[in-house]
Structures are given as C-alpha cells and as structure tokens.
Amino acid sequence: MRALAAALAERLAGGTTTLCRCWRITRRDGVALGFTDHDEAVTFAATEFRPVGGFVAADVARHGLAAGGLEVEGALSAEGLSADDLAGGLYDGARVEIYVVDWTEPAARARVRVGTVGEVERAGGAFRAEVRGLAQSLDQVRGRVYSALCDADLGDGRCRVNLAGPAVRALATVAAVETASVVRVTGLEAYAGGWFAHGRLVVAGGALAGWATEIKAHARGDGIRIETWRAPPRPFAPGDTAWLTAGCDKRFGTCRTKFDNAVNFQGFPHMPGNAFALSYPPHPSGDNDGGTIV
C-alpha cells in the first residue's frame, strides 16, 4: 500500500479536491519538461509544469515483466514538445515521472508512476507514447546470447569494421521523391542492389539535415531506390544529401564476404541447430524409413 503525506491524504478524504496530474519528462540529453492537466502552471521540485490540453493517461494491461503499463496521448501543442523532436528520437528512453498534486499547495503531492518512454506513435498533430514501467528493465537481455548470429553492432568496438571506408559508407543525393519513404538517388551506382538494406541513413544536407533512420530496402533497376522504415517529419526534396551505411544481417557468411571481417565475428556460426539435436545414428540394418528403432 502506498503511504501518502498527511496533507495529501487529508485532501483525498475530503468531499472536494483540488488535485491535478503532472508529468515530468527528462530526456537523455538532460532536458526536462513539465506538463499538467490543470489550467494554470504548477511549480515544484525546480520544475514548472505548464498547462496543456488534450493529455490523456490510460492504464493498459500488463502481465509479468511485459513492457506495457501506461499510455499517454496528447496533442503536439505544448511549448517545447515538437513533432520533429519526437520523430528524431529525442524522447526515446526518456524518464517519465507522474504526480498527483494539490494545485493549491504543491507540497501536498505523491509520485504515482515512474517509467521510461518506449514506442511513440504520431499521426497528424497528435501522438501516443508508451510509458514502460521500471520492472520491464528486468526483462531485458543482459550479457551475451549464445546464438549463431553476431550480437555486435556494425562498426562497434567488438566488430571493428571501419565505417568510414568507401565499401561501407557512401553519400547519396535525392534525385526524385516517389513516396514519403521512397526516393530515387544518385551516387550509389558502384554498389550492388541490397548493399545498404538494413543499414542506416543520416541526412547530411537540406531541410532534414541530421534526421536519421534505418533503411528498409535498396533496389536497382529503373534507377536506384532507397526505402526507409520511417517517413521523415517533412518530405524529402530533390538535392537533399544523405550518408548511407551498409547493412549487416548478422550472419557469418555476410561478415566474411561482405565485410572481410570473419576474425571479429561475435556469434557462434557452428552451433548445432534443431536438426542436429533431433537427429540419431542410422539404423544398423540400413532400413532408415523413419519408423521406430527396435
């Protein structure tokens, strides 16, 4: 049972309350923003919680250590909260603290939820953010996983692939825009189709400079097409430039032939699979018809 301060418990027990909810979001870069569903600003703990309309917090079902727990919905109308920042990932993993506060005396308050921002969905001028509870971190993988696939990130300290090399990184220029997430580019003529699939795109020049996302597909045919997993916050434009990093599917064959990096492969490519585990020695008679061995 949660212990409440005497002042807050007294107000909750009364017939009329002057309570509101406040959200404090602290991004990983240290920027902290405060919001409240009250019609005036509320200040406590060195944070000003500014009023914003349309914020709705709803509990969702949670089982065991699952990620769910709370969803926050709202309009992108609060000062300091922008669609570009959400799309750019500035709020990914941000710490969220939710308080119930007596707005007439902010010292009478209780922190009712702490978590981190998980998946964020945006549609038009509204957003929906998943707030993951603290227990969800206990469900994360810690240490290494025994797997046939590599568990390093391309170019990190264990992989050691040089991401600045021309075989791994290239500058592309948008020649035409087909859809919000599909563009035709130039500058990749020397690369085979699929070379940059599952890699990373970082916009270098234009109105989207600095925006980054993963590459869904890289195809050649009638021009060179790049498809991204996410649409940018504003459309690409001809002349925009972007750095593309080659994709890696974490397989040993890819590491050996595409990146010439087998010596640093961080998986276990010769690990026996299910077929080996279920196999058995041949029947001595040679009658291996799948029947019962007597």
C-alpha atoms as a PDB file:
ATOM      1  CA  MET A   1       0.000   0.000   0.000  1.00  0.00           C
ATOM      2  CA  ARG A   2       1.286   3.441  -0.914  1.00  0.00           C
ATOM      3  CA  ALA A   3       1.970   5.798   2.022  1.00  0.00           C
ATOM      4  CA  LEU A   4       0.664   9.332   1.416  1.00  0.00           C
ATOM      5  CA  ALA A   5       1.731  12.555   3.051  1.00  0.00           C
ATOM      6  CA  ALA A   6      -0.731  13.666   5.724  1.00  0.00           C
ATOM      7  CA  ALA A   7      -1.629  16.856   3.816  1.00  0.00           C
ATOM      8  CA  LEU A   8      -2.458  14.954   0.645  1.00  0.00           C
ATOM      9  CA  ALA A   9      -4.327  12.196   2.465  1.00  0.00           C
ATOM     10  CA  GLU A  10      -6.476  14.833   4.169  1.00  0.00           C
ATOM     11  CA  ARG A  11      -7.424  16.380   0.835  1.00  0.00           C
ATOM     12  CA  LEU A  12      -8.215  12.995  -0.701  1.00  0.00           C
ATOM     13  CA  ALA A  13     -10.500  12.215   2.220  1.00  0.00           C
ATOM     14  CA  GLY A  14     -12.422  15.465   1.796  1.00  0.00           C
ATOM     15  CA  GLY A  15     -15.560  15.823  -0.283  1.00  0.00           C
ATOM     16  CA  THR A  16     -13.981  18.265  -2.720  1.00  0.00           C
ATOM     17  CA  THR A  17     -10.446  18.003  -4.012  1.00  0.00           C
ATOM     18  CA  THR A  18      -8.146  20.375  -5.857  1.00  0.00           C
ATOM     19  CA  LEU A  19      -5.994  17.751  -7.481  1.00  0.00           C
ATOM     20  CA  CYS A  20      -4.308  17.611 -10.860  1.00  0.00           C
ATOM     21  CA  ARG A  21      -1.825  15.361 -12.564  1.00  0.00           C
ATOM     22  CA  CYS A  22       1.665  16.473 -13.554  1.00  0.00           C
ATOM     23  CA  TRP A  23       4.111  14.814 -15.913  1.00  0.00           C
ATOM     24  CA  ARG A  24       7.863  15.447 -15.837  1.00  0.00           C
ATOM     25  CA  ILE A  25       9.798  14.134 -18.834  1.00  0.00           C
ATOM     26  CA  THR A  26      13.586  14.107 -18.593  1.00  0.00           C
ATOM     27  CA  ARG A  27      15.317  13.343 -21.874  1.00  0.00           C
ATOM     28  CA  ARG A  28      18.623  11.526 -22.062  1.00  0.00           C
ATOM     29  CA  ASP A  29      20.337  14.765 -23.052  1.00  0.00           C
ATOM     30  CA  GLY A  30      19.286  16.266 -19.696  1.00  0.00           C
ATOM     31  CA  VAL A  31      16.451  18.487 -20.966  1.00  0.00           C
ATOM     32  CA  ALA A  32      13.462  18.330 -18.586  1.00  0.00           C
ATOM     33  CA  LEU A  33       9.910  19.366 -19.470  1.00  0.00           C
ATOM     34  CA  GLY A  34       6.871  19.569 -17.202  1.00  0.00           C
ATOM     35  CA  PHE A  35       3.202  19.335 -18.173  1.00  0.00           C
ATOM     36  CA  THR A  36      -0.047  19.381 -16.210  1.00  0.00           C
ATOM     37  CA  ASP A  37      -3.734  18.888 -16.919  1.00  0.00           C
ATOM     38  CA  HIS A  38      -4.506  21.877 -14.650  1.00  0.00           C
ATOM     39  CA  ASP A  39      -5.456  25.168 -16.327  1.00  0.00           C
ATOM     40  CA  GLU A  40      -2.577  27.056 -14.690  1.00  0.00           C
ATOM     41  CA  ALA A  41       1.118  26.331 -14.271  1.00  0.00           C
ATOM     42  CA  VAL A  42       2.169  24.338 -11.197  1.00  0.00           C
ATOM     43  CA  THR A  43       5.716  24.592  -9.855  1.00  0.00           C
ATOM     44  CA  PHE A  44       7.567  22.227  -7.533  1.00  0.00           C
ATOM     45  CA  ALA A  45      10.915  20.408  -7.372  1.00  0.00           C
ATOM     46  CA  ALA A  46      12.571  23.101  -9.527  1.00  0.00           C
ATOM     47  CA  THR A  47      10.242  22.315 -12.442  1.00  0.00           C
ATOM     48  CA  GLU A  48       7.453  24.400 -13.919  1.00  0.00           C
ATOM     49  CA  PHE A  49       4.626  22.172 -15.094  1.00  0.00           C
ATOM     50  CA  ARG A  50       2.865  24.041 -17.864  1.00  0.00           C
ATOM     51  CA  PRO A  51      -0.804  23.515 -18.693  1.00  0.00           C
ATOM     52  CA  VAL A  52      -1.523  21.584 -21.855  1.00  0.00           C
ATOM     53  CA  GLY A  53      -4.869  20.433 -23.133  1.00  0.00           C
ATOM     54  CA  GLY A  54      -5.594  17.043 -24.590  1.00  0.00           C
ATOM     55  CA  PHE A  55      -3.246  14.974 -22.442  1.00  0.00           C
ATOM     56  CA  VAL A  56      -4.850  11.645 -21.506  1.00  0.00           C
ATOM     57  CA  ALA A  57      -3.155   8.921 -19.479  1.00  0.00           C
ATOM     58  CA  ALA A  58      -4.684   5.439 -19.518  1.00  0.00           C
ATOM     59  CA  ASP A  59      -3.551   2.227 -17.856  1.00  0.00           C
ATOM     60  CA  VAL A  60      -3.108  -0.770 -20.135  1.00  0.00           C
ATOM     61  CA  ALA A  61      -2.938  -4.447 -19.286  1.00  0.00           C
ATOM     62  CA  ARG A  62       0.420  -5.649 -18.016  1.00  0.00           C
ATOM     63  CA  HIS A  63       1.432  -9.266 -17.463  1.00  0.00           C
ATOM     64  CA  GLY A  64       4.619 -10.188 -15.623  1.00  0.00           C
ATOM     65  CA  LEU A  65       7.526  -8.066 -16.862  1.00  0.00           C
ATOM     66  CA  ALA A  66       5.859  -7.008 -20.120  1.00  0.00           C
ATOM     67  CA  ALA A  67       6.554  -3.540 -21.454  1.00  0.00           C
ATOM     68  CA  GLY A  68       3.019  -2.235 -21.040  1.00  0.00           C
ATOM     69  CA  GLY A  69       1.697  -0.298 -18.104  1.00  0.00           C
ATOM     70  CA  LEU A  70       0.625   3.174 -19.216  1.00  0.00           C
ATOM     71  CA  GLU A  71      -0.041   5.109 -22.370  1.00  0.00           C
ATOM     72  CA  VAL A  72      -0.071   8.885 -22.673  1.00  0.00           C
ATOM     73  CA  GLU A  73      -1.932  10.526 -25.524  1.00  0.00           C
ATOM     74  CA  GLY A  74      -1.996  14.178 -26.404  1.00  0.00           C
ATOM     75  CA  ALA A  75      -1.785  16.899 -28.974  1.00  0.00           C
ATOM     76  CA  LEU A  76       1.509  18.383 -30.097  1.00  0.00           C
ATOM     77  CA  SER A  77       0.546  21.780 -28.763  1.00  0.00           C
ATOM     78  CA  ALA A  78       2.725  22.136 -25.679  1.00  0.00           C
ATOM     79  CA  GLU A  79       5.607  24.584 -25.755  1.00  0.00           C
ATOM     80  CA  GLY A  80       8.864  22.641 -26.011  1.00  0.00           C
ATOM     81  CA  LEU A  81       7.224  19.476 -27.350  1.00  0.00           C
ATOM     82  CA  SER A  82       7.563  19.239 -31.127  1.00  0.00           C
ATOM     83  CA  ALA A  83       6.792  16.657 -33.765  1.00  0.00           C
ATOM     84  CA  ASP A  84      10.341  16.903 -35.147  1.00  0.00           C
ATOM     85  CA  ASP A  85      11.854  16.073 -31.753  1.00  0.00           C
ATOM     86  CA  LEU A  86       9.565  13.062 -31.347  1.00  0.00           C
ATOM     87  CA  ALA A  87      10.346  11.808 -34.853  1.00  0.00           C
ATOM     88  CA  GLY A  88      14.061  12.425 -34.314  1.00  0.00           C
ATOM     89  CA  GLY A  89      14.138  10.125 -31.286  1.00  0.00           C
ATOM     90  CA  LEU A  90      14.984  12.777 -28.679  1.00  0.00           C
ATOM     91  CA  TYR A  91      12.354  11.310 -26.343  1.00  0.00           C
ATOM     92  CA  ASP A  92      13.316   7.655 -26.816  1.00  0.00           C
ATOM     93  CA  GLY A  93      14.151   6.228 -23.401  1.00  0.00           C
ATOM     94  CA  ALA A  94      13.279   9.480 -21.599  1.00  0.00           C
ATOM     95  CA  ARG A  95      12.415   9.196 -17.903  1.00  0.00           C
ATOM     96  CA  VAL A  96       8.777   9.891 -17.064  1.00  0.00           C
ATOM     97  CA  GLU A  97       7.505  10.793 -13.592  1.00  0.00           C
ATOM     98  CA  ILE A  98       3.786  11.215 -12.962  1.00  0.00           C
ATOM     99  CA  TYR A  99       2.485  13.030  -9.881  1.00  0.00           C
ATOM    100  CA  VAL A 100      -0.866  13.672  -8.277  1.00  0.00           C
ATOM    101  CA  VAL A 101      -0.641  17.196  -6.909  1.00  0.00           C
ATOM    102  CA  ASP A 102      -2.828  19.590  -4.965  1.00  0.00           C
ATOM    103  CA  TRP A 103      -2.504  22.653  -7.142  1.00  0.00           C
ATOM    104  CA  THR A 104      -3.341  24.975  -4.239  1.00  0.00           C
ATOM    105  CA  GLU A 105      -0.391  23.607  -2.252  1.00  0.00           C
ATOM    106  CA  PRO A 106       2.067  21.712  -4.496  1.00  0.00           C
ATOM    107  CA  ALA A 107       3.942  20.388  -1.452  1.00  0.00           C
ATOM    108  CA  ALA A 108       0.949  18.074  -0.986  1.00  0.00           C
ATOM    109  CA  ARG A 109       1.714  15.602  -3.758  1.00  0.00           C
ATOM    110  CA  ALA A 110       2.507  11.972  -4.455  1.00  0.00           C
ATOM    111  CA  ARG A 111       4.546  10.405  -7.218  1.00  0.00           C
ATOM    112  CA  VAL A 112       2.361   7.632  -8.595  1.00  0.00           C
ATOM    113  CA  ARG A 113       4.346   6.309 -11.545  1.00  0.00           C
ATOM    114  CA  VAL A 114       7.926   6.232 -12.834  1.00  0.00           C
ATOM    115  CA  GLY A 115       8.956   4.784 -16.149  1.00  0.00           C
ATOM    116  CA  THR A 116      10.614   5.400 -19.482  1.00  0.00           C
ATOM    117  CA  VAL A 117       9.243   6.348 -22.875  1.00  0.00           C
ATOM    118  CA  GLY A 118       9.007   3.341 -25.171  1.00  0.00           C
ATOM    119  CA  GLU A 119       7.240   3.232 -28.515  1.00  0.00           C
ATOM    120  CA  VAL A 120       5.931   6.568 -29.794  1.00  0.00           C
ATOM    121  CA  GLU A 121       3.269   6.774 -32.495  1.00  0.00           C
ATOM    122  CA  ARG A 122       2.429  10.024 -34.253  1.00  0.00           C
ATOM    123  CA  ALA A 123      -0.491  10.827 -36.533  1.00  0.00           C
ATOM    124  CA  GLY A 124      -1.117  14.348 -37.736  1.00  0.00           C
ATOM    125  CA  GLY A 125      -0.912  16.700 -34.805  1.00  0.00           C
ATOM    126  CA  ALA A 126      -1.317  14.051 -32.087  1.00  0.00           C
ATOM    127  CA  PHE A 127       0.882  11.409 -30.504  1.00  0.00           C
ATOM    128  CA  ARG A 128       0.634   8.299 -28.343  1.00  0.00           C
ATOM    129  CA  ALA A 129       3.565   7.346 -26.120  1.00  0.00           C
ATOM    130  CA  GLU A 130       4.048   4.078 -24.291  1.00  0.00           C
ATOM    131  CA  VAL A 131       5.407   4.513 -20.758  1.00  0.00           C
ATOM    132  CA  ARG A 132       7.307   1.405 -19.719  1.00  0.00           C
ATOM    133  CA  GLY A 133       7.416   0.546 -16.044  1.00  0.00           C
ATOM    134  CA  LEU A 134      10.636   0.010 -14.113  1.00  0.00           C
ATOM    135  CA  ALA A 135      10.015  -3.740 -13.876  1.00  0.00           C
ATOM    136  CA  GLN A 136      10.247  -4.024 -17.658  1.00  0.00           C
ATOM    137  CA  SER A 137      14.001  -3.464 -17.495  1.00  0.00           C
ATOM    138  CA  LEU A 138      14.266  -6.835 -15.714  1.00  0.00           C
ATOM    139  CA  ASP A 139      13.053  -8.477 -18.926  1.00  0.00           C
ATOM    140  CA  GLN A 140      15.944  -7.077 -20.983  1.00  0.00           C
ATOM    141  CA  VAL A 141      18.818  -9.254 -22.141  1.00  0.00           C
ATOM    142  CA  ARG A 142      21.918  -8.787 -20.018  1.00  0.00           C
ATOM    143  CA  GLY A 143      25.266 -10.052 -21.206  1.00  0.00           C
ATOM    144  CA  ARG A 144      25.747 -12.112 -24.355  1.00  0.00           C
ATOM    145  CA  VAL A 145      23.383 -14.547 -26.040  1.00  0.00           C
ATOM    146  CA  TYR A 146      24.603 -17.906 -27.362  1.00  0.00           C
ATOM    147  CA  SER A 147      23.419 -17.644 -30.947  1.00  0.00           C
ATOM    148  CA  ALA A 148      24.555 -18.399 -34.472  1.00  0.00           C
ATOM    149  CA  LEU A 149      24.071 -14.699 -35.285  1.00  0.00           C
ATOM    150  CA  CYS A 150      26.503 -11.940 -34.345  1.00  0.00           C
ATOM    151  CA  ASP A 151      25.473  -9.835 -31.338  1.00  0.00           C
ATOM    152  CA  ALA A 152      27.762  -6.873 -32.098  1.00  0.00           C
ATOM    153  CA  ASP A 153      26.695  -3.670 -33.825  1.00  0.00           C
ATOM    154  CA  LEU A 154      28.337  -2.941 -37.144  1.00  0.00           C
ATOM    155  CA  GLY A 155      31.417  -0.806 -36.515  1.00  0.00           C
ATOM    156  CA  ASP A 156      31.420  -1.015 -32.704  1.00  0.00           C
ATOM    157  CA  GLY A 157      34.416  -1.910 -30.541  1.00  0.00           C
ATOM    158  CA  ARG A 158      33.902  -5.654 -30.969  1.00  0.00           C
ATOM    159  CA  CYS A 159      33.004  -5.631 -34.661  1.00  0.00           C
ATOM    160  CA  ARG A 160      35.814  -3.212 -35.643  1.00  0.00           C
ATOM    161  CA  VAL A 161      34.605  -2.629 -39.201  1.00  0.00           C
ATOM    162  CA  ASN A 162      35.760   0.809 -40.361  1.00  0.00           C
ATOM    163  CA  LEU A 163      32.511   2.677 -41.041  1.00  0.00           C
ATOM    164  CA  ALA A 164      34.375   5.465 -42.831  1.00  0.00           C
ATOM    165  CA  GLY A 165      35.559   3.157 -45.592  1.00  0.00           C
ATOM    166  CA  PRO A 166      34.063   3.569 -49.098  1.00  0.00           C
ATOM    167  CA  ALA A 167      32.854  -0.046 -49.106  1.00  0.00           C
ATOM    168  CA  VAL A 168      30.677   0.652 -46.070  1.00  0.00           C
ATOM    169  CA  ARG A 169      29.633   4.292 -46.337  1.00  0.00           C
ATOM    170  CA  ALA A 170      28.513   6.416 -49.275  1.00  0.00           C
ATOM    171  CA  LEU A 171      26.967   9.815 -49.915  1.00  0.00           C
ATOM    172  CA  ALA A 172      23.736   9.744 -51.931  1.00  0.00           C
ATOM    173  CA  THR A 173      21.787  12.614 -53.445  1.00  0.00           C
ATOM    174  CA  VAL A 174      17.994  12.566 -53.788  1.00  0.00           C
ATOM    175  CA  ALA A 175      17.079  12.765 -57.473  1.00  0.00           C
ATOM    176  CA  ALA A 176      13.314  12.224 -57.193  1.00  0.00           C
ATOM    177  CA  VAL A 177      10.718  11.587 -54.499  1.00  0.00           C
ATOM    178  CA  GLU A 178       8.242   8.741 -55.075  1.00  0.00           C
ATOM    179  CA  THR A 179       6.513   8.450 -51.686  1.00  0.00           C
ATOM    180  CA  ALA A 180       7.086   9.754 -48.169  1.00  0.00           C
ATOM    181  CA  SER A 181       9.597   6.955 -47.513  1.00  0.00           C
ATOM    182  CA  VAL A 182      10.816   6.025 -51.022  1.00  0.00           C
ATOM    183  CA  VAL A 183      13.277   8.136 -53.011  1.00  0.00           C
ATOM    184  CA  ARG A 184      15.411   7.710 -56.089  1.00  0.00           C
ATOM    185  CA  VAL A 185      19.039   8.632 -55.545  1.00  0.00           C
ATOM    186  CA  THR A 186      22.322   9.052 -57.353  1.00  0.00           C
ATOM    187  CA  GLY A 187      25.797   8.353 -56.024  1.00  0.00           C
ATOM    188  CA  LEU A 188      25.304   4.622 -55.382  1.00  0.00           C
ATOM    189  CA  GLU A 189      25.987   3.372 -58.901  1.00  0.00           C
ATOM    190  CA  ALA A 190      29.048   1.390 -57.767  1.00  0.00           C
ATOM    191  CA  TYR A 191      27.081  -0.676 -55.230  1.00  0.00           C
ATOM    192  CA  ALA A 192      25.029  -3.809 -55.813  1.00  0.00           C
ATOM    193  CA  GLY A 193      21.334  -3.766 -55.041  1.00  0.00           C
ATOM    194  CA  GLY A 194      20.619  -4.561 -51.399  1.00  0.00           C
ATOM    195  CA  TRP A 195      24.052  -3.420 -50.246  1.00  0.00           C
ATOM    196  CA  PHE A 196      22.561  -0.749 -47.966  1.00  0.00           C
ATOM    197  CA  ALA A 197      19.393  -2.648 -46.994  1.00  0.00           C
ATOM    198  CA  HIS A 198      19.027  -2.806 -43.194  1.00  0.00           C
ATOM    199  CA  GLY A 199      21.708  -0.156 -42.859  1.00  0.00           C
ATOM    200  CA  ARG A 200      21.387   3.401 -41.630  1.00  0.00           C
ATOM    201  CA  LEU A 201      20.622   6.702 -43.340  1.00  0.00           C
ATOM    202  CA  VAL A 202      21.645  10.083 -41.900  1.00  0.00           C
ATOM    203  CA  VAL A 203      20.575  13.193 -43.808  1.00  0.00           C
ATOM    204  CA  ALA A 204      23.587  15.418 -44.438  1.00  0.00           C
ATOM    205  CA  GLY A 205      22.105  18.401 -46.244  1.00  0.00           C
ATOM    206  CA  GLY A 206      18.760  20.034 -46.849  1.00  0.00           C
ATOM    207  CA  ALA A 207      15.810  20.842 -44.591  1.00  0.00           C
ATOM    208  CA  LEU A 208      16.052  17.397 -42.941  1.00  0.00           C
ATOM    209  CA  ALA A 209      19.754  17.660 -42.029  1.00  0.00           C
ATOM    210  CA  GLY A 210      20.537  15.486 -39.002  1.00  0.00           C
ATOM    211  CA  TRP A 211      17.474  13.241 -39.290  1.00  0.00           C
ATOM    212  CA  ALA A 212      18.347   9.543 -39.183  1.00  0.00           C
ATOM    213  CA  THR A 213      16.527   6.273 -39.728  1.00  0.00           C
ATOM    214  CA  GLU A 214      17.035   2.652 -40.742  1.00  0.00           C
ATOM    215  CA  ILE A 215      16.972   1.613 -44.391  1.00  0.00           C
ATOM    216  CA  LYS A 216      14.281  -0.891 -45.322  1.00  0.00           C
ATOM    217  CA  ALA A 217      15.294  -1.617 -48.905  1.00  0.00           C
ATOM    218  CA  HIS A 218      17.921  -0.712 -51.513  1.00  0.00           C
ATOM    219  CA  ALA A 219      16.966  -1.716 -55.043  1.00  0.00           C
ATOM    220  CA  ARG A 220      18.399  -1.228 -58.513  1.00  0.00           C
ATOM    221  CA  GLY A 221      16.511  -1.316 -61.767  1.00  0.00           C
ATOM    222  CA  ASP A 222      14.830   1.709 -63.219  1.00  0.00           C
ATOM    223  CA  GLY A 223      17.075   3.956 -61.153  1.00  0.00           C
ATOM    224  CA  ILE A 224      18.331   3.393 -57.619  1.00  0.00           C
ATOM    225  CA  ARG A 225      15.605   3.326 -54.966  1.00  0.00           C
ATOM    226  CA  ILE A 226      16.048   3.717 -51.223  1.00  0.00           C
ATOM    227  CA  GLU A 227      13.130   2.955 -48.889  1.00  0.00           C
ATOM    228  CA  THR A 228      13.282   3.921 -45.217  1.00  0.00           C
ATOM    229  CA  TRP A 229      11.410   2.270 -42.371  1.00  0.00           C
ATOM    230  CA  ARG A 230      10.095   5.637 -41.167  1.00  0.00           C
ATOM    231  CA  ALA A 231       8.833   8.582 -43.124  1.00  0.00           C
ATOM    232  CA  PRO A 232      10.683  11.818 -42.280  1.00  0.00           C
ATOM    233  CA  PRO A 233       8.890  14.596 -40.357  1.00  0.00           C
ATOM    234  CA  ARG A 234       8.830  16.614 -43.599  1.00  0.00           C
ATOM    235  CA  PRO A 235       9.153  15.296 -47.168  1.00  0.00           C
ATOM    236  CA  PHE A 236      12.470  14.689 -48.854  1.00  0.00           C
ATOM    237  CA  ALA A 237      13.312  17.126 -51.634  1.00  0.00           C
ATOM    238  CA  PRO A 238      15.469  16.695 -54.749  1.00  0.00           C
ATOM    239  CA  GLY A 239      19.000  17.751 -53.910  1.00  0.00           C
ATOM    240  CA  ASP A 240      18.907  16.507 -50.304  1.00  0.00           C
ATOM    241  CA  THR A 241      22.030  14.513 -49.467  1.00  0.00           C
ATOM    242  CA  ALA A 242      22.422  11.654 -47.031  1.00  0.00           C
ATOM    243  CA  TRP A 243      25.146   9.355 -45.766  1.00  0.00           C
ATOM    244  CA  LEU A 244      24.232   5.681 -46.095  1.00  0.00           C
ATOM    245  CA  THR A 245      25.877   2.912 -44.092  1.00  0.00           C
ATOM    246  CA  ALA A 246      25.839  -0.651 -45.403  1.00  0.00           C
ATOM    247  CA  GLY A 247      23.502  -3.127 -43.766  1.00  0.00           C
ATOM    248  CA  CYS A 248      24.524  -6.262 -41.922  1.00  0.00           C
ATOM    249  CA  ASP A 249      22.221  -9.247 -41.331  1.00  0.00           C
ATOM    250  CA  LYS A 250      24.493 -10.578 -38.543  1.00  0.00           C
ATOM    251  CA  ARG A 251      25.293 -13.808 -40.411  1.00  0.00           C
ATOM    252  CA  PHE A 252      28.782 -15.301 -40.597  1.00  0.00           C
ATOM    253  CA  GLY A 253      28.730 -15.533 -44.386  1.00  0.00           C
ATOM    254  CA  THR A 254      27.875 -11.835 -44.670  1.00  0.00           C
ATOM    255  CA  CYS A 255      30.622 -10.900 -42.232  1.00  0.00           C
ATOM    256  CA  ARG A 256      33.166 -12.926 -44.185  1.00  0.00           C
ATOM    257  CA  THR A 257      32.260 -11.982 -47.756  1.00  0.00           C
ATOM    258  CA  LYS A 258      30.754  -8.507 -47.483  1.00  0.00           C
ATOM    259  CA  PHE A 259      32.968  -7.002 -44.792  1.00  0.00           C
ATOM    260  CA  ASP A 260      36.016  -9.342 -44.798  1.00  0.00           C
ATOM    261  CA  ASN A 261      35.709  -9.399 -41.027  1.00  0.00           C
ATOM    262  CA  ALA A 262      35.297 -13.069 -40.091  1.00  0.00           C
ATOM    263  CA  VAL A 263      38.045 -12.832 -37.478  1.00  0.00           C
ATOM    264  CA  ASN A 264      35.887 -10.424 -35.454  1.00  0.00           C
ATOM    265  CA  PHE A 265      32.565 -12.251 -35.874  1.00  0.00           C
ATOM    266  CA  GLN A 266      30.802 -12.203 -32.499  1.00  0.00           C
ATOM    267  CA  GLY A 267      28.420 -15.122 -32.980  1.00  0.00           C
ATOM    268  CA  PHE A 268      28.705 -18.911 -32.893  1.00  0.00           C
ATOM    269  CA  PRO A 269      28.232 -19.961 -36.535  1.00  0.00           C
ATOM    270  CA  HIS A 270      28.938 -23.644 -35.925  1.00  0.00           C
ATOM    271  CA  MET A 271      26.447 -24.002 -33.093  1.00  0.00           C
ATOM    272  CA  PRO A 272      24.357 -27.174 -33.629  1.00  0.00           C
ATOM    273  CA  GLY A 273      20.780 -26.410 -34.605  1.00  0.00           C
ATOM    274  CA  ASN A 274      17.463 -28.173 -34.041  1.00  0.00           C
ATOM    275  CA  ALA A 275      18.106 -30.679 -36.838  1.00  0.00           C
ATOM    276  CA  PHE A 276      21.268 -31.886 -35.097  1.00  0.00           C
ATOM    277  CA  ALA A 277      19.540 -32.092 -31.711  1.00  0.00           C
ATOM    278  CA  LEU A 278      16.764 -34.285 -33.141  1.00  0.00           C
ATOM    279  CA  SER A 279      18.994 -36.493 -35.245  1.00  0.00           C
ATOM    280  CA  TYR A 280      20.117 -40.011 -34.324  1.00  0.00           C
ATOM    281  CA  PRO A 281      22.618 -42.535 -35.686  1.00  0.00           C
ATOM    282  CA  PRO A 282      21.490 -44.522 -38.764  1.00  0.00           C
ATOM    283  CA  HIS A 283      19.779 -47.872 -38.168  1.00  0.00           C
ATOM    284  CA  PRO A 284      22.395 -50.640 -38.344  1.00  0.00           C
ATOM    285  CA  SER A 285      20.349 -52.538 -40.949  1.00  0.00           C
ATOM    286  CA  GLY A 286      20.259 -49.536 -43.244  1.00  0.00           C
ATOM    287  CA  ASP A 287      16.444 -49.591 -43.211  1.00  0.00           C
ATOM    288  CA  ASN A 288      16.063 -45.894 -42.301  1.00  0.00           C
ATOM    289  CA  ASP A 289      12.404 -45.395 -43.148  1.00  0.00           C
ATOM    290  CA  GLY A 290      11.512 -43.163 -40.211  1.00  0.00           C
ATOM    291  CA  GLY A 291       9.908 -45.984 -38.263  1.00  0.00           C
ATOM    292  CA  THR A 292      10.526 -46.984 -34.649  1.00  0.00           C
ATOM    293  CA  ILE A 293      14.008 -48.243 -33.891  1.00  0.00           C
ATOM    294  CA  VAL A 294      13.680 -51.680 -32.262  1.00  0.00           C
END
